[in-house]
Amino acid sequence: MPNQSISLDRVFWALGDPTRFAIVEHLSQGPSSVSELAKPFPMALPTFLQHLGVLEKHGLITTEKVGRVRTCTLNAARIDQARHWLEVQEKQWSIRLDALDKLLEKKT
């Protein structure tokens, strides 16, 4: 369990930055070149590449260079890990809140 927590911590940390979050959102539509991804961001390319490096380091994206074009692809399995964790949390809180509702109904 601790390894999974550390792993998810890194995923959520990487997604906590608005630029990286937007990159992941864009890549959810399909693979894109670095230049396509960088277009909407008002920052120097080396800075943008640092964001891609963080996403790649934490397993959220993969990159492949063919000739002069580097293409980024979303790692859906990594996103699914985070989604699964969130679903478990939602179920647990739903059970707790239902129990609280029942308790409050008994008191009124």
Protein backbone atom coordinates (compact mmCIF):
# COMPACT_ATOMS: atom_id res chain seq x y z
CA MET A 1 0.00 0.00 0.00
CA PRO A 2 2.73 2.58 0.77
CA ASN A 3 4.26 2.14 -2.71
CA GLN A 4 0.89 2.79 -4.32
CA SER A 5 0.41 5.87 -2.14
CA ILE A 6 3.81 7.23 -3.13
CA SER A 7 3.07 6.49 -6.77
CA LEU A 8 -0.29 8.26 -6.65
CA ASP A 9 1.23 11.14 -4.72
CA ARG A 10 3.58 11.73 -7.64
CA VAL A 11 0.74 11.56 -10.15
CA PHE A 12 -1.37 14.10 -8.26
CA TRP A 13 1.65 16.33 -7.68
CA ALA A 14 2.42 16.32 -11.41
CA LEU A 15 -1.21 17.10 -12.23
CA GLY A 16 -1.30 19.90 -9.63
CA ASP A 17 0.37 22.34 -11.99
CA PRO A 18 -2.09 24.09 -14.37
CA THR A 19 0.25 23.78 -17.36
CA ARG A 20 0.80 20.06 -16.86
CA PHE A 21 -2.90 19.51 -16.21
CA ALA A 22 -3.73 21.26 -19.49
CA ILE A 23 -1.16 19.15 -21.33
CA VAL A 24 -2.74 15.96 -20.00
CA GLU A 25 -6.20 17.25 -20.95
CA HIS A 26 -4.98 17.94 -24.49
CA LEU A 27 -3.34 14.52 -24.77
CA SER A 28 -6.56 12.82 -23.68
CA GLN A 29 -7.77 13.66 -27.21
CA GLY A 30 -4.83 11.80 -28.76
CA PRO A 31 -1.07 12.05 -29.34
CA SER A 32 0.43 15.43 -30.25
CA SER A 33 3.80 16.80 -31.20
CA VAL A 34 5.67 18.95 -28.72
CA SER A 35 5.25 21.98 -30.97
CA GLU A 36 1.46 21.47 -31.12
CA LEU A 37 1.29 21.11 -27.35
CA ALA A 38 3.47 24.16 -26.71
CA LYS A 39 1.53 26.57 -28.99
CA PRO A 40 -1.07 27.82 -26.49
CA PHE A 41 1.41 28.38 -23.66
CA PRO A 42 3.15 31.75 -23.27
CA MET A 43 6.50 30.36 -22.15
CA ALA A 44 9.88 29.56 -23.59
CA LEU A 45 10.24 26.10 -25.12
CA PRO A 46 12.87 24.97 -22.56
CA THR A 47 10.43 25.78 -19.75
CA PHE A 48 7.66 23.88 -21.53
CA LEU A 49 10.00 20.92 -22.02
CA GLN A 50 10.58 20.84 -18.26
CA HIS A 51 6.84 20.34 -17.78
CA LEU A 52 6.88 17.48 -20.27
CA GLY A 53 9.85 16.00 -18.43
CA VAL A 54 7.92 15.99 -15.15
CA LEU A 55 4.94 14.28 -16.78
CA GLU A 56 7.18 11.70 -18.40
CA LYS A 57 9.21 11.11 -15.22
CA HIS A 58 6.03 10.36 -13.27
CA GLY A 59 4.66 8.06 -15.97
CA LEU A 60 1.78 10.20 -17.17
CA ILE A 61 3.07 10.54 -20.72
CA THR A 62 5.51 8.85 -23.06
CA THR A 63 7.44 10.56 -25.82
CA GLU A 64 8.85 9.23 -29.04
CA LYS A 65 11.13 11.02 -31.46
CA VAL A 66 10.84 10.25 -35.15
CA GLY A 67 13.18 12.36 -37.22
CA ARG A 68 12.87 15.91 -35.93
CA VAL A 69 9.41 15.47 -34.42
CA ARG A 70 8.86 14.41 -30.81
CA THR A 71 5.36 13.07 -30.20
CA CYS A 72 3.76 12.82 -26.76
CA THR A 73 1.18 10.21 -25.81
CA LEU A 74 -0.90 9.96 -22.66
CA ASN A 75 -0.27 6.91 -20.47
CA ALA A 76 -3.90 5.97 -19.81
CA ALA A 77 -2.95 3.25 -17.32
CA ARG A 78 -1.42 5.83 -15.01
CA ILE A 79 -4.52 8.02 -15.22
CA ASP A 80 -6.67 4.95 -14.53
CA GLN A 81 -4.74 4.30 -11.30
CA ALA A 82 -5.65 7.77 -10.07
CA ARG A 83 -9.24 7.42 -11.28
CA HIS A 84 -9.59 4.08 -9.47
CA TRP A 85 -8.26 5.57 -6.22
CA LEU A 86 -10.73 8.46 -6.50
CA GLU A 87 -13.61 6.03 -7.11
CA VAL A 88 -12.69 4.06 -3.97
CA GLN A 89 -12.61 7.30 -1.97
CA GLU A 90 -15.99 8.32 -3.36
CA LYS A 91 -17.55 4.97 -2.39
CA GLN A 92 -16.13 5.16 1.13
CA TRP A 93 -17.43 8.69 1.64
CA SER A 94 -20.80 7.77 0.20
CA ILE A 95 -21.12 4.93 2.74
CA ARG A 96 -20.09 7.25 5.57
CA LEU A 97 -22.49 9.98 4.54
CA ASP A 98 -25.36 7.49 4.18
CA ALA A 99 -24.65 6.25 7.72
CA LEU A 100 -24.64 9.84 8.97
CA ASP A 101 -27.99 10.49 7.23
CA LYS A 102 -29.50 7.46 8.94
CA LEU A 103 -28.16 8.56 12.30
CA LEU A 104 -29.56 12.07 11.86
CA GLU A 105 -32.95 10.71 10.77
CA LYS A 106 -33.15 8.65 13.97
CA LYS A 107 -32.44 11.75 16.08
CA THR A 108 -35.22 13.82 14.51
